[in-house]
Amino acid sequence: MKNACLILLLAGVLITLAGCGTTGVSSSYSSDETPVTKFAPPPPDFQPKYVAIIEFKDKTPSNPIKGQVGSIAVDQLTTLAFGTGRFKIIERERIDALIAEQGLAGKGLVEGETAVKIGKMLGAQYIFLGSVTNWEVKEVKTGTFVLIGGTRKQNLHIELAVDGRIIDASTGVIVAAGSGEISRDEYVSSTAILGMAPNGYLRLEQSVAGKQMRMALDDMLKEMIPQVDKEFSK
């Protein structure tokens, strides 16, 4: 009996070691510890402005997650933008309530002149709009069974791209714009994969997708913050 137990234990160790030999970035989605950019303080004459972040447009070929892509982007961007120390962000509930009050809820995303109108009614000086232009999740065929922390993992290749722009609510003029993208391999729990999307890509649980969105949005902000510093210091 003891020999049988020892054999099973050794087998488990060998499976784990086999998984460690695969390529990819091991990560855990259970707690999002994604490193983000620590921006330098704004210029001395900088004046933070009131900004309304409108739900991002989903331009992905097919929804890669369980949940609203544009909504997840706004949640992540709100945290990241506030952390730069450059924005006074209007609470999302106020924006959603006003959109519903104006009869715009369920009629598509707010953009252009309508966004400027909503911004003025909220007292926002600037409007932050954007879109998720690409989000592809594919399985990496390694031919190796991967066991990490006692949980079966799958190696995925993830590509994600976002575009953003900030509009002056008083003029409708774009004052800052940028894009961000990521392309990397990640190990995720097999239980987080919902199945196959119509275009052949995998679909993920919403709880595991935030990390990738956060990284792409952070990349976008790195392009935009120098423009923001120049505009808001006028």
C-alpha atoms as a PDB file:
ATOM      1  CA  MET A   1       0.000   0.000   0.000  1.00  0.00           C
ATOM      2  CA  LYS A   2       2.825   2.372   0.903  1.00  0.00           C
ATOM      3  CA  ASN A   3       4.584   1.584  -2.379  1.00  0.00           C
ATOM      4  CA  ALA A   4       1.413   2.328  -4.327  1.00  0.00           C
ATOM      5  CA  CYS A   5       1.043   5.698  -2.593  1.00  0.00           C
ATOM      6  CA  LEU A   6       4.681   6.525  -3.292  1.00  0.00           C
ATOM      7  CA  ILE A   7       4.244   5.702  -6.978  1.00  0.00           C
ATOM      8  CA  LEU A   8       1.205   7.992  -7.211  1.00  0.00           C
ATOM      9  CA  LEU A   9       3.083  10.798  -5.480  1.00  0.00           C
ATOM     10  CA  LEU A  10       6.046  10.494  -7.843  1.00  0.00           C
ATOM     11  CA  ALA A  11       3.707  10.461 -10.831  1.00  0.00           C
ATOM     12  CA  GLY A  12       2.140  13.723  -9.676  1.00  0.00           C
ATOM     13  CA  VAL A  13       5.570  15.333  -9.300  1.00  0.00           C
ATOM     14  CA  LEU A  14       6.582  14.236 -12.802  1.00  0.00           C
ATOM     15  CA  ILE A  15       3.402  15.717 -14.319  1.00  0.00           C
ATOM     16  CA  THR A  16       4.057  19.019 -12.563  1.00  0.00           C
ATOM     17  CA  LEU A  17       7.663  19.097 -13.748  1.00  0.00           C
ATOM     18  CA  ALA A  18       6.545  18.368 -17.295  1.00  0.00           C
ATOM     19  CA  GLY A  19       4.275  21.413 -17.142  1.00  0.00           C
ATOM     20  CA  CYS A  20       7.124  23.610 -15.929  1.00  0.00           C
ATOM     21  CA  GLY A  21       8.991  22.821 -19.120  1.00  0.00           C
ATOM     22  CA  THR A  22       6.464  24.577 -21.360  1.00  0.00           C
ATOM     23  CA  THR A  23       6.870  28.149 -22.561  1.00  0.00           C
ATOM     24  CA  GLY A  24       4.600  30.949 -21.410  1.00  0.00           C
ATOM     25  CA  VAL A  25       4.009  33.367 -18.579  1.00  0.00           C
ATOM     26  CA  SER A  26       2.559  31.751 -15.482  1.00  0.00           C
ATOM     27  CA  SER A  27      -0.008  33.968 -13.824  1.00  0.00           C
ATOM     28  CA  SER A  28      -2.994  33.838 -11.526  1.00  0.00           C
ATOM     29  CA  TYR A  29      -6.268  35.582 -12.294  1.00  0.00           C
ATOM     30  CA  SER A  30      -7.672  35.007  -8.826  1.00  0.00           C
ATOM     31  CA  SER A  31      -6.075  38.259  -7.665  1.00  0.00           C
ATOM     32  CA  ASP A  32      -5.137  40.982 -10.121  1.00  0.00           C
ATOM     33  CA  GLU A  33      -1.625  42.142  -9.297  1.00  0.00           C
ATOM     34  CA  THR A  34      -0.811  43.471 -12.733  1.00  0.00           C
ATOM     35  CA  PRO A  35       1.929  46.091 -12.514  1.00  0.00           C
ATOM     36  CA  VAL A  36       0.836  49.442 -13.947  1.00  0.00           C
ATOM     37  CA  THR A  37       2.778  52.552 -14.842  1.00  0.00           C
ATOM     38  CA  LYS A  38       3.663  54.910 -12.017  1.00  0.00           C
ATOM     39  CA  PHE A  39       3.514  58.284 -13.708  1.00  0.00           C
ATOM     40  CA  ALA A  40       5.569  61.207 -12.495  1.00  0.00           C
ATOM     41  CA  PRO A  41       3.557  63.953 -10.759  1.00  0.00           C
ATOM     42  CA  PRO A  42       1.873  66.427 -13.143  1.00  0.00           C
ATOM     43  CA  PRO A  43       3.593  69.752 -13.922  1.00  0.00           C
ATOM     44  CA  PRO A  44       3.450  72.466 -11.222  1.00  0.00           C
ATOM     45  CA  ASP A  45       0.897  74.547 -13.160  1.00  0.00           C
ATOM     46  CA  PHE A  46      -1.281  71.521 -13.914  1.00  0.00           C
ATOM     47  CA  GLN A  47      -4.994  71.773 -13.131  1.00  0.00           C
ATOM     48  CA  PRO A  48      -6.922  68.449 -12.863  1.00  0.00           C
ATOM     49  CA  LYS A  49     -10.140  68.579 -14.869  1.00  0.00           C
ATOM     50  CA  TYR A  50     -13.570  66.975 -14.442  1.00  0.00           C
ATOM     51  CA  VAL A  51     -13.819  64.074 -16.872  1.00  0.00           C
ATOM     52  CA  ALA A  52     -16.730  61.796 -17.799  1.00  0.00           C
ATOM     53  CA  ILE A  53     -15.640  58.369 -19.033  1.00  0.00           C
ATOM     54  CA  ILE A  54     -18.225  56.989 -21.460  1.00  0.00           C
ATOM     55  CA  GLU A  55     -18.637  53.245 -22.019  1.00  0.00           C
ATOM     56  CA  PHE A  56     -16.192  52.004 -24.651  1.00  0.00           C
ATOM     57  CA  LYS A  57     -17.475  50.683 -27.977  1.00  0.00           C
ATOM     58  CA  ASP A  58     -16.966  46.966 -28.561  1.00  0.00           C
ATOM     59  CA  LYS A  59     -15.450  46.504 -32.048  1.00  0.00           C
ATOM     60  CA  THR A  60     -14.146  42.986 -31.423  1.00  0.00           C
ATOM     61  CA  PRO A  61     -15.069  40.324 -34.028  1.00  0.00           C
ATOM     62  CA  SER A  62     -17.044  38.502 -31.337  1.00  0.00           C
ATOM     63  CA  ASN A  63     -17.400  38.937 -27.610  1.00  0.00           C
ATOM     64  CA  PRO A  64     -14.419  37.027 -26.105  1.00  0.00           C
ATOM     65  CA  ILE A  65     -15.720  37.066 -22.546  1.00  0.00           C
ATOM     66  CA  LYS A  66     -18.830  36.549 -20.490  1.00  0.00           C
ATOM     67  CA  GLY A  67     -19.830  40.153 -19.895  1.00  0.00           C
ATOM     68  CA  GLN A  68     -19.835  43.564 -21.581  1.00  0.00           C
ATOM     69  CA  VAL A  69     -16.455  44.422 -23.090  1.00  0.00           C
ATOM     70  CA  GLY A  70     -17.051  48.186 -23.079  1.00  0.00           C
ATOM     71  CA  SER A  71     -18.216  48.175 -19.483  1.00  0.00           C
ATOM     72  CA  ILE A  72     -15.140  46.285 -18.287  1.00  0.00           C
ATOM     73  CA  ALA A  73     -12.917  48.787 -20.110  1.00  0.00           C
ATOM     74  CA  VAL A  74     -14.545  51.736 -18.316  1.00  0.00           C
ATOM     75  CA  ASP A  75     -14.227  50.094 -14.902  1.00  0.00           C
ATOM     76  CA  GLN A  76     -10.525  49.448 -15.466  1.00  0.00           C
ATOM     77  CA  LEU A  77      -9.838  52.865 -17.016  1.00  0.00           C
ATOM     78  CA  THR A  78     -11.533  54.703 -14.149  1.00  0.00           C
ATOM     79  CA  THR A  79      -9.122  53.153 -11.671  1.00  0.00           C
ATOM     80  CA  LEU A  80      -6.065  53.700 -13.855  1.00  0.00           C
ATOM     81  CA  ALA A  81      -6.927  57.290 -14.820  1.00  0.00           C
ATOM     82  CA  PHE A  82      -7.645  58.298 -11.232  1.00  0.00           C
ATOM     83  CA  GLY A  83      -4.301  56.809 -10.187  1.00  0.00           C
ATOM     84  CA  THR A  84      -2.418  59.219 -12.465  1.00  0.00           C
ATOM     85  CA  GLY A  85      -3.521  62.176 -10.315  1.00  0.00           C
ATOM     86  CA  ARG A  86      -4.641  64.095 -13.395  1.00  0.00           C
ATOM     87  CA  PHE A  87      -8.404  63.583 -13.532  1.00  0.00           C
ATOM     88  CA  LYS A  88     -11.445  64.361 -11.411  1.00  0.00           C
ATOM     89  CA  ILE A  89     -13.636  61.526 -12.585  1.00  0.00           C
ATOM     90  CA  ILE A  90     -17.423  61.802 -12.498  1.00  0.00           C
ATOM     91  CA  GLU A  91     -19.069  58.790 -10.895  1.00  0.00           C
ATOM     92  CA  ARG A  92     -20.252  56.256 -13.420  1.00  0.00           C
ATOM     93  CA  GLU A  93     -23.671  55.859 -11.773  1.00  0.00           C
ATOM     94  CA  ARG A  94     -24.379  59.548 -12.469  1.00  0.00           C
ATOM     95  CA  ILE A  95     -23.467  59.094 -16.131  1.00  0.00           C
ATOM     96  CA  ASP A  96     -25.626  55.979 -16.505  1.00  0.00           C
ATOM     97  CA  ALA A  97     -28.557  57.691 -14.752  1.00  0.00           C
ATOM     98  CA  LEU A  98     -28.372  60.720 -17.051  1.00  0.00           C
ATOM     99  CA  ILE A  99     -28.141  58.548 -20.168  1.00  0.00           C
ATOM    100  CA  ALA A 100     -31.252  56.688 -19.020  1.00  0.00           C
ATOM    101  CA  GLU A 101     -33.017  59.969 -18.196  1.00  0.00           C
ATOM    102  CA  GLN A 102     -32.292  61.277 -21.697  1.00  0.00           C
ATOM    103  CA  GLY A 103     -33.790  58.133 -23.197  1.00  0.00           C
ATOM    104  CA  LEU A 104     -30.450  56.982 -24.624  1.00  0.00           C
ATOM    105  CA  ALA A 105     -30.149  53.736 -22.686  1.00  0.00           C
ATOM    106  CA  GLY A 106     -30.378  50.709 -24.952  1.00  0.00           C
ATOM    107  CA  LYS A 107     -30.029  52.824 -28.104  1.00  0.00           C
ATOM    108  CA  GLY A 108     -26.346  52.287 -28.669  1.00  0.00           C
ATOM    109  CA  LEU A 109     -23.283  53.864 -27.156  1.00  0.00           C
ATOM    110  CA  VAL A 110     -23.004  57.606 -26.627  1.00  0.00           C
ATOM    111  CA  GLU A 111     -20.527  59.298 -28.980  1.00  0.00           C
ATOM    112  CA  GLY A 112     -19.728  62.570 -30.726  1.00  0.00           C
ATOM    113  CA  GLU A 113     -22.086  65.489 -30.200  1.00  0.00           C
ATOM    114  CA  THR A 114     -24.302  63.472 -27.880  1.00  0.00           C
ATOM    115  CA  ALA A 115     -21.338  62.695 -25.652  1.00  0.00           C
ATOM    116  CA  VAL A 116     -20.453  66.392 -25.481  1.00  0.00           C
ATOM    117  CA  LYS A 117     -24.063  67.202 -24.563  1.00  0.00           C
ATOM    118  CA  ILE A 118     -24.050  64.586 -21.799  1.00  0.00           C
ATOM    119  CA  GLY A 119     -20.705  65.887 -20.556  1.00  0.00           C
ATOM    120  CA  LYS A 120     -21.977  69.450 -20.266  1.00  0.00           C
ATOM    121  CA  MET A 121     -25.070  68.303 -18.366  1.00  0.00           C
ATOM    122  CA  LEU A 122     -22.801  66.438 -15.936  1.00  0.00           C
ATOM    123  CA  GLY A 123     -20.514  69.423 -15.484  1.00  0.00           C
ATOM    124  CA  ALA A 124     -17.630  67.590 -17.159  1.00  0.00           C
ATOM    125  CA  GLN A 125     -14.938  69.660 -18.815  1.00  0.00           C
ATOM    126  CA  TYR A 126     -13.724  66.732 -20.883  1.00  0.00           C
ATOM    127  CA  ILE A 127     -15.163  63.479 -22.249  1.00  0.00           C
ATOM    128  CA  PHE A 128     -13.137  60.263 -22.413  1.00  0.00           C
ATOM    129  CA  LEU A 129     -14.300  57.960 -25.231  1.00  0.00           C
ATOM    130  CA  GLY A 130     -12.790  54.823 -26.657  1.00  0.00           C
ATOM    131  CA  SER A 131     -13.187  51.408 -28.196  1.00  0.00           C
ATOM    132  CA  VAL A 132     -11.871  47.879 -27.819  1.00  0.00           C
ATOM    133  CA  THR A 133     -10.776  47.086 -31.368  1.00  0.00           C
ATOM    134  CA  ASN A 134      -9.409  43.577 -30.958  1.00  0.00           C
ATOM    135  CA  TRP A 135      -9.531  40.764 -28.410  1.00  0.00           C
ATOM    136  CA  GLU A 136      -8.414  37.317 -29.520  1.00  0.00           C
ATOM    137  CA  VAL A 137      -7.905  34.320 -27.255  1.00  0.00           C
ATOM    138  CA  LYS A 138      -6.362  31.178 -28.736  1.00  0.00           C
ATOM    139  CA  GLU A 139      -5.074  27.975 -27.172  1.00  0.00           C
ATOM    140  CA  VAL A 140      -1.334  27.378 -27.523  1.00  0.00           C
ATOM    141  CA  LYS A 141      -0.784  23.767 -28.548  1.00  0.00           C
ATOM    142  CA  THR A 142       2.114  22.604 -26.376  1.00  0.00           C
ATOM    143  CA  GLY A 143       1.303  18.905 -26.295  1.00  0.00           C
ATOM    144  CA  THR A 144       2.066  18.901 -22.577  1.00  0.00           C
ATOM    145  CA  PHE A 145      -0.261  18.439 -19.628  1.00  0.00           C
ATOM    146  CA  VAL A 146       0.301  21.392 -17.283  1.00  0.00           C
ATOM    147  CA  LEU A 147      -0.437  21.165 -13.584  1.00  0.00           C
ATOM    148  CA  ILE A 148       0.197  24.282 -11.500  1.00  0.00           C
ATOM    149  CA  GLY A 149      -0.766  24.434  -7.848  1.00  0.00           C
ATOM    150  CA  GLY A 150      -2.864  21.288  -8.197  1.00  0.00           C
ATOM    151  CA  THR A 151      -5.054  22.858 -10.908  1.00  0.00           C
ATOM    152  CA  ARG A 152      -5.023  21.972 -14.589  1.00  0.00           C
ATOM    153  CA  LYS A 153      -3.928  24.984 -16.664  1.00  0.00           C
ATOM    154  CA  GLN A 154      -4.153  25.821 -20.331  1.00  0.00           C
ATOM    155  CA  ASN A 155      -1.625  27.962 -22.144  1.00  0.00           C
ATOM    156  CA  LEU A 156      -3.405  30.714 -24.090  1.00  0.00           C
ATOM    157  CA  HIS A 157      -2.196  33.363 -26.511  1.00  0.00           C
ATOM    158  CA  ILE A 158      -4.055  36.634 -25.965  1.00  0.00           C
ATOM    159  CA  GLU A 159      -4.085  39.701 -28.189  1.00  0.00           C
ATOM    160  CA  LEU A 160      -5.970  42.831 -27.161  1.00  0.00           C
ATOM    161  CA  ALA A 161      -6.071  46.378 -28.554  1.00  0.00           C
ATOM    162  CA  VAL A 162      -7.802  49.554 -27.370  1.00  0.00           C
ATOM    163  CA  ASP A 163      -8.101  53.125 -28.673  1.00  0.00           C
ATOM    164  CA  GLY A 164      -9.027  56.187 -26.650  1.00  0.00           C
ATOM    165  CA  ARG A 165      -9.548  59.908 -27.084  1.00  0.00           C
ATOM    166  CA  ILE A 166     -10.335  62.846 -24.851  1.00  0.00           C
ATOM    167  CA  ILE A 167     -12.700  65.536 -26.130  1.00  0.00           C
ATOM    168  CA  ASP A 168     -13.078  69.123 -24.886  1.00  0.00           C
ATOM    169  CA  ALA A 169     -16.739  69.319 -23.835  1.00  0.00           C
ATOM    170  CA  SER A 170     -16.942  73.018 -24.694  1.00  0.00           C
ATOM    171  CA  THR A 171     -15.666  72.713 -28.259  1.00  0.00           C
ATOM    172  CA  GLY A 172     -15.975  69.038 -29.243  1.00  0.00           C
ATOM    173  CA  VAL A 173     -12.291  69.089 -30.245  1.00  0.00           C
ATOM    174  CA  ILE A 174     -10.078  66.042 -29.571  1.00  0.00           C
ATOM    175  CA  VAL A 175      -7.239  67.111 -27.267  1.00  0.00           C
ATOM    176  CA  ALA A 176      -5.581  63.743 -26.649  1.00  0.00           C
ATOM    177  CA  ALA A 177      -5.611  60.330 -28.306  1.00  0.00           C
ATOM    178  CA  GLY A 178      -3.747  57.072 -27.951  1.00  0.00           C
ATOM    179  CA  SER A 179      -3.830  53.330 -28.415  1.00  0.00           C
ATOM    180  CA  GLY A 180      -2.610  50.362 -26.442  1.00  0.00           C
ATOM    181  CA  GLU A 181      -2.156  46.694 -27.176  1.00  0.00           C
ATOM    182  CA  ILE A 182      -0.793  43.492 -25.700  1.00  0.00           C
ATOM    183  CA  SER A 183       0.254  40.167 -27.194  1.00  0.00           C
ATOM    184  CA  ARG A 184       1.346  37.481 -24.747  1.00  0.00           C
ATOM    185  CA  ASP A 185       0.944  33.949 -23.495  1.00  0.00           C
ATOM    186  CA  GLU A 186      -0.746  33.215 -20.169  1.00  0.00           C
ATOM    187  CA  TYR A 187      -1.556  30.083 -18.205  1.00  0.00           C
ATOM    188  CA  VAL A 188      -5.154  30.125 -16.994  1.00  0.00           C
ATOM    189  CA  SER A 189      -7.291  27.608 -15.181  1.00  0.00           C
ATOM    190  CA  SER A 190      -9.156  25.352 -17.594  1.00  0.00           C
ATOM    191  CA  THR A 191     -12.348  26.102 -15.644  1.00  0.00           C
ATOM    192  CA  ALA A 192     -12.099  29.770 -16.742  1.00  0.00           C
ATOM    193  CA  ILE A 193     -12.560  28.823 -20.404  1.00  0.00           C
ATOM    194  CA  LEU A 194     -16.236  28.880 -21.371  1.00  0.00           C
ATOM    195  CA  GLY A 195     -15.890  27.387 -24.812  1.00  0.00           C
ATOM    196  CA  MET A 196     -15.444  28.397 -28.434  1.00  0.00           C
ATOM    197  CA  ALA A 197     -16.689  31.652 -29.940  1.00  0.00           C
ATOM    198  CA  PRO A 198     -18.258  31.623 -33.448  1.00  0.00           C
ATOM    199  CA  ASN A 199     -14.997  32.844 -35.043  1.00  0.00           C
ATOM    200  CA  GLY A 200     -12.955  30.029 -33.506  1.00  0.00           C
ATOM    201  CA  TYR A 201     -11.489  32.002 -30.607  1.00  0.00           C
ATOM    202  CA  LEU A 202     -11.927  30.921 -26.996  1.00  0.00           C
ATOM    203  CA  ARG A 203     -14.276  32.694 -24.613  1.00  0.00           C
ATOM    204  CA  LEU A 204     -13.257  33.467 -21.027  1.00  0.00           C
ATOM    205  CA  GLU A 205     -15.032  34.158 -17.771  1.00  0.00           C
ATOM    206  CA  GLN A 206     -15.236  37.889 -17.056  1.00  0.00           C
ATOM    207  CA  SER A 207     -13.337  37.486 -13.782  1.00  0.00           C
ATOM    208  CA  VAL A 208     -10.201  36.328 -15.597  1.00  0.00           C
ATOM    209  CA  ALA A 209     -10.250  38.981 -18.318  1.00  0.00           C
ATOM    210  CA  GLY A 210      -9.616  42.141 -16.278  1.00  0.00           C
ATOM    211  CA  LYS A 211      -5.868  41.673 -16.120  1.00  0.00           C
ATOM    212  CA  GLN A 212      -5.439  41.755 -19.893  1.00  0.00           C
ATOM    213  CA  MET A 213      -7.697  44.802 -20.294  1.00  0.00           C
ATOM    214  CA  ARG A 214      -5.802  46.625 -17.550  1.00  0.00           C
ATOM    215  CA  MET A 215      -2.488  46.066 -19.335  1.00  0.00           C
ATOM    216  CA  ALA A 216      -3.790  47.347 -22.692  1.00  0.00           C
ATOM    217  CA  LEU A 217      -5.395  50.438 -21.138  1.00  0.00           C
ATOM    218  CA  ASP A 218      -2.215  51.194 -19.221  1.00  0.00           C
ATOM    219  CA  ASP A 219      -0.295  51.044 -22.504  1.00  0.00           C
ATOM    220  CA  MET A 220      -2.810  53.480 -24.006  1.00  0.00           C
ATOM    221  CA  LEU A 221      -2.486  55.940 -21.131  1.00  0.00           C
ATOM    222  CA  LYS A 222       1.292  56.040 -21.571  1.00  0.00           C
ATOM    223  CA  GLU A 223       0.679  57.636 -24.976  1.00  0.00           C
ATOM    224  CA  MET A 224      -1.994  60.008 -23.740  1.00  0.00           C
ATOM    225  CA  ILE A 225      -0.628  61.394 -20.472  1.00  0.00           C
ATOM    226  CA  PRO A 226       2.022  63.676 -22.091  1.00  0.00           C
ATOM    227  CA  GLN A 227      -0.755  65.160 -24.253  1.00  0.00           C
ATOM    228  CA  VAL A 228      -2.969  65.571 -21.190  1.00  0.00           C
ATOM    229  CA  ASP A 229      -0.186  67.346 -19.268  1.00  0.00           C
ATOM    230  CA  LYS A 230       0.217  69.822 -22.115  1.00  0.00           C
ATOM    231  CA  GLU A 231      -3.531  70.447 -22.565  1.00  0.00           C
ATOM    232  CA  PHE A 232      -4.472  70.715 -18.896  1.00  0.00           C
ATOM    233  CA  SER A 233      -1.572  73.081 -18.134  1.00  0.00           C
ATOM    234  CA  LYS A 234      -2.866  75.775 -20.495  1.00  0.00           C
END
